[in-house]
Protein backbone atom coordinates (compact mmCIF):
# COMPACT_ATOMS: atom_id res chain seq x y z
CA MET A 1 0.00 0.00 0.00
CA THR A 2 1.41 3.35 -1.01
CA LYS A 3 0.92 6.44 1.00
CA PRO A 4 -0.35 9.52 -0.96
CA LEU A 5 2.10 12.38 -1.43
CA PRO A 6 1.64 15.50 0.66
CA ALA A 7 -0.18 18.35 -1.08
CA LEU A 8 2.85 20.63 -1.11
CA LEU A 9 5.03 18.01 -2.79
CA ARG A 10 2.33 17.32 -5.39
CA LEU A 11 2.13 21.03 -6.21
CA HIS A 12 5.91 21.24 -6.63
CA LEU A 13 5.99 18.19 -8.90
CA THR A 14 3.16 19.62 -11.01
CA GLY A 15 5.05 22.89 -11.32
CA LEU A 16 8.23 21.08 -12.32
CA ARG A 17 6.37 19.09 -14.99
CA LEU A 18 4.81 22.26 -16.39
CA LEU A 19 8.22 23.96 -16.42
CA LEU A 20 9.67 21.10 -18.46
CA VAL A 21 6.70 21.02 -20.87
CA PHE A 22 6.78 24.77 -21.53
CA THR A 23 10.58 24.74 -21.84
CA VAL A 24 10.30 22.16 -24.62
CA ILE A 25 7.43 24.02 -26.31
CA CYS A 26 8.85 27.55 -26.07
CA GLY A 27 12.54 26.73 -26.23
CA LEU A 28 12.62 24.01 -28.89
CA ALA A 29 9.36 23.43 -30.76
CA TYR A 30 8.40 27.06 -31.44
CA PRO A 31 11.86 28.24 -32.62
CA LEU A 32 12.23 25.19 -34.88
CA LEU A 33 8.74 25.75 -36.33
CA ILE A 34 9.39 29.44 -37.04
CA THR A 35 12.82 28.69 -38.54
CA GLY A 36 11.28 26.03 -40.78
CA ILE A 37 8.56 28.40 -41.98
CA ALA A 38 11.18 31.11 -42.63
CA GLU A 39 13.27 28.65 -44.65
CA LEU A 40 10.26 27.81 -46.81
CA VAL A 41 8.87 31.31 -47.29
CA PHE A 42 12.07 33.44 -47.30
CA PRO A 43 15.02 31.15 -48.13
CA GLY A 44 17.41 33.99 -49.05
CA GLN A 45 16.76 36.05 -45.94
CA ALA A 46 16.61 33.10 -43.55
CA ASN A 47 20.08 31.93 -44.53
CA GLY A 48 21.70 35.36 -44.15
CA SER A 49 23.92 37.25 -46.59
CA LEU A 50 26.51 34.55 -47.17
CA VAL A 51 28.75 34.73 -50.24
CA ARG A 52 29.62 31.39 -51.79
CA LEU A 53 32.47 30.67 -54.19
CA HIS A 54 32.68 27.25 -55.85
CA GLY A 55 30.21 25.82 -53.34
CA ARG A 56 32.19 27.06 -50.34
CA THR A 57 31.13 29.90 -48.01
CA VAL A 58 33.75 32.63 -48.19
CA GLY A 59 32.15 35.57 -46.39
CA SER A 60 29.18 37.86 -46.01
CA SER A 61 27.92 40.51 -48.41
CA LEU A 62 27.26 42.83 -45.46
CA ILE A 63 30.87 42.86 -44.24
CA GLY A 64 33.00 45.44 -46.00
CA GLN A 65 30.09 47.20 -47.66
CA THR A 66 30.56 50.84 -48.64
CA PHE A 67 28.81 53.60 -46.75
CA ASP A 68 28.67 57.39 -46.89
CA LEU A 69 29.71 59.52 -43.91
CA THR A 70 27.95 62.66 -45.14
CA ALA A 71 25.91 64.17 -42.35
CA PRO A 72 22.34 65.41 -42.96
CA GLY A 73 22.28 68.70 -44.82
CA GLY A 74 25.46 67.92 -46.77
CA ARG A 75 27.80 68.91 -43.93
CA SER A 76 30.87 66.90 -43.14
CA PRO A 77 30.38 64.64 -40.13
CA VAL A 78 31.78 65.33 -36.69
CA LEU A 79 34.68 62.92 -36.35
CA PRO A 80 36.07 61.67 -33.05
CA ASP A 81 38.87 63.67 -31.48
CA PRO A 82 42.19 61.85 -32.01
CA ALA A 83 43.35 63.08 -28.59
CA GLY A 84 40.72 60.88 -26.98
CA SER A 85 38.18 63.49 -25.90
CA SER A 86 34.67 62.10 -25.82
CA HIS A 87 33.06 65.53 -26.25
CA ALA A 88 32.31 66.50 -29.83
CA PRO A 89 31.86 70.19 -30.71
CA PRO A 90 28.25 71.34 -31.05
CA PRO A 91 26.79 71.64 -34.55
CA PRO A 92 27.20 75.10 -36.14
CA GLU A 93 23.46 75.92 -35.87
CA THR A 94 23.43 75.70 -32.08
CA ALA A 95 26.89 77.18 -31.47
CA THR A 96 25.70 80.76 -32.09
CA THR A 97 22.25 80.64 -30.47
CA PRO A 98 22.06 82.23 -27.02
CA PRO A 99 20.88 80.11 -24.10
CA PRO A 100 17.19 80.40 -23.16
CA PRO A 101 16.35 82.95 -20.45
CA ALA A 102 16.20 81.69 -16.89
CA PRO A 103 12.70 81.26 -15.44
CA PRO A 104 11.61 83.97 -13.03
CA THR A 105 12.14 83.29 -9.36
CA TRP A 106 9.22 83.87 -7.08
CA ALA A 107 9.69 84.53 -3.40
CA PRO A 108 6.96 83.26 -1.10
CA THR A 109 5.08 86.03 0.62
CA THR A 110 3.88 85.82 4.19
CA PRO A 111 0.64 87.49 5.16
CA GLY A 112 1.22 90.15 7.52
């Protein structure tokens, strides 16, 4: 004759079983399903930007791509200071504008 498990132990075992079930569903089944669908629907994007030469992967088309460092408005970009300063100079538009006026200070008045 077996003795029934205490209620607290049964609750912990149920929680552990649910943890394992949801770990398998959310950690294995769902990612594999989504990856499989992506392979079928978007084969080029799902496999990345790999460059192949004679059947061998030799690199990525995203590495070493050209880019333009022109800032918005056609200005030259603010480059880092070679001396190691982390403070870049302000853009020319804000360098000549005066700071906003300080808000008025109000002194509390006491009735009297």
